[in-house]
Protein backbone atom coordinates (compact mmCIF):
# COMPACT_ATOMS: atom_id res chain seq x y z
CA MET A 1 -14.88 23.83 20.08
CA ASP A 2 -14.56 22.17 23.48
CA ASP A 3 -11.35 22.14 25.50
CA VAL A 4 -11.64 18.46 26.40
CA GLU A 5 -8.78 16.27 25.17
CA TYR A 6 -9.52 12.76 23.92
CA ASP A 7 -7.14 9.86 23.44
CA ILE A 8 -8.93 8.28 20.49
CA ALA A 9 -6.79 5.15 20.53
CA ASN A 10 -7.93 4.33 24.06
CA LEU A 11 -11.64 5.15 24.10
CA ASP A 12 -14.61 3.20 22.84
CA TYR A 13 -15.83 4.52 19.52
CA ASP A 14 -19.28 5.34 20.93
CA GLU A 15 -17.70 7.62 23.56
CA LEU A 16 -16.14 9.93 20.98
CA PRO A 17 -17.46 13.17 19.49
CA GLU A 18 -18.16 12.88 15.74
CA ARG A 19 -14.92 14.61 14.69
CA TYR A 20 -12.94 11.94 16.56
CA LYS A 21 -15.08 9.16 15.15
CA HIS A 22 -14.06 10.45 11.73
CA GLU A 23 -10.39 10.44 12.80
CA ASN A 24 -10.71 6.83 13.97
CA ARG A 25 -12.28 5.81 10.65
CA GLU A 26 -9.42 7.47 8.79
CA ALA A 27 -6.80 5.76 10.98
CA ALA A 28 -8.47 2.41 10.35
CA ARG A 29 -8.59 3.08 6.59
CA VAL A 30 -4.86 3.87 6.45
CA ALA A 31 -3.99 0.75 8.47
CA CYS A 32 -6.20 -1.46 6.29
CA GLU A 33 -4.61 -0.04 3.15
CA SER A 34 -1.14 -0.83 4.53
CA VAL A 35 -2.12 -4.43 5.27
CA LYS A 36 -3.78 -4.91 1.90
CA ALA A 37 -0.77 -3.43 0.08
CA VAL A 38 1.54 -5.96 1.70
CA MET A 39 -0.74 -8.96 1.47
CA GLY A 40 -2.43 -8.41 -1.86
CA SER A 41 -4.54 -11.48 -2.48
CA SER A 42 -2.46 -13.86 -0.40
CA LYS A 43 -4.44 -16.49 1.49
CA SER A 44 -1.37 -18.23 2.87
CA ALA A 45 -1.07 -18.28 6.65
CA ARG A 46 2.71 -18.55 6.19
CA ALA A 47 2.79 -15.42 4.01
CA ILE A 48 0.74 -13.54 6.56
CA LYS A 49 3.09 -14.54 9.37
CA ASP A 50 6.17 -13.70 7.30
CA ASN A 51 4.91 -10.38 5.95
CA LEU A 52 2.97 -8.95 8.88
CA ASN A 53 5.94 -8.91 11.24
CA ASP A 54 7.46 -6.26 13.53
CA GLU A 55 9.29 -4.62 10.63
CA PHE A 56 6.00 -4.27 8.74
CA ILE A 57 4.22 -2.98 11.85
CA ASN A 58 6.78 -0.21 12.28
CA LYS A 59 6.68 0.77 8.58
CA ALA A 60 2.88 0.82 8.62
CA ALA A 61 2.88 2.77 11.90
CA ASP A 62 5.18 5.32 10.25
CA ALA A 63 2.69 5.60 7.36
CA GLN A 64 -0.09 5.93 9.93
CA HIS A 65 1.74 8.84 11.56
CA VAL A 66 2.43 10.60 8.24
CA ALA A 67 -1.26 10.37 7.32
CA TRP A 68 -2.22 11.64 10.78
CA ILE A 69 0.04 14.67 10.36
CA GLU A 70 -1.56 15.41 6.98
CA ARG A 71 -5.03 15.32 8.54
CA ASN A 72 -4.16 17.18 11.76
CA ARG A 73 -1.34 19.59 10.93
CA GLU A 74 -3.38 22.68 11.81
CA THR A 75 -4.67 21.49 15.19
CA ALA A 76 -2.10 19.01 16.52
CA ASP A 77 0.29 19.50 19.38
CA PRO A 78 3.47 20.75 17.64
CA SER A 79 5.57 18.22 19.55
CA LEU A 80 3.78 15.46 17.59
CA LEU A 81 4.44 17.00 14.17
CA VAL A 82 7.78 15.25 13.92
CA PRO A 83 8.92 12.18 11.98
CA TYR A 84 7.74 8.88 13.44
CA ASP A 85 11.26 7.96 14.58
CA GLU A 86 11.36 11.08 16.75
CA LEU A 87 8.10 10.40 18.57
CA PRO A 88 8.13 9.30 22.20
CA GLU A 89 7.65 5.56 22.56
CA ASP A 90 4.10 5.91 23.94
CA GLU A 91 3.05 7.87 20.83
CA LYS A 92 4.65 5.31 18.51
CA GLU A 93 2.75 2.60 20.34
CA LYS A 94 -0.57 4.30 19.54
CA ASP A 95 0.22 4.02 15.82
CA ARG A 96 1.44 0.42 16.18
CA LEU A 97 -1.74 -0.48 18.07
CA ILE A 98 -3.89 0.63 15.16
CA VAL A 99 -1.78 -1.40 12.72
CA ARG A 100 -1.88 -4.49 14.95
CA GLU A 101 -5.65 -4.25 15.10
CA ALA A 102 -5.83 -4.09 11.29
CA ILE A 103 -3.65 -7.20 11.12
CA ARG A 104 -5.87 -8.99 13.63
CA LEU A 105 -8.94 -8.11 11.62
CA TYR A 106 -7.25 -9.14 8.37
CA ARG A 107 -6.53 -12.54 9.86
CA LEU A 108 -10.10 -12.94 11.04
CA TRP A 109 -11.57 -11.70 7.77
CA CYS A 110 -9.32 -13.49 5.30
CA ILE A 111 -8.10 -16.62 7.04
CA ARG A 112 -11.49 -17.68 8.31
CA SER A 113 -13.14 -16.75 5.03
CA PRO A 114 -10.53 -16.95 2.25
CA SER A 115 -13.09 -15.97 -0.37
CA HIS A 116 -13.26 -12.55 1.33
CA VAL A 117 -9.64 -11.62 0.58
CA GLN A 118 -10.50 -9.44 -2.40
CA ALA A 119 -13.28 -7.73 -0.45
CA TRP A 120 -11.05 -6.62 2.44
CA PRO A 121 -12.92 -3.63 3.92
CA GLY A 122 -11.64 -0.18 4.61
CA ILE A 123 -10.27 0.45 1.15
CA GLY A 124 -11.54 3.31 -0.91
CA ALA A 125 -12.66 6.87 -0.44
CA ALA A 126 -12.99 8.28 3.03
CA GLN A 127 -16.53 8.57 4.27
């Protein structure tokens, strides 16, 4: 295993080793599941604005962090194996960034093509 550290939230996907590509796919899957759980089949722009707010982003980021701990418990920096609320702000922002991107993609996918709502990607078994 190499000693190089990667910040997967701030690199292009193509620049990552395969194990980090897998981690990015898992982070995206968790974020997409959070968005879909809140939105269900809603096509309403108002519902999206009301539901995908800062409170949601922080709850989904917390879920993102919990899932990350489950996947990385054995190899993670011990200082990051703490509850979301105890993370430094820059680490919280990494989780929020992933959630915000899922929201942006949800808006593009579902608002521009309302018939796609039920086919929101990223849901299902990890690949």
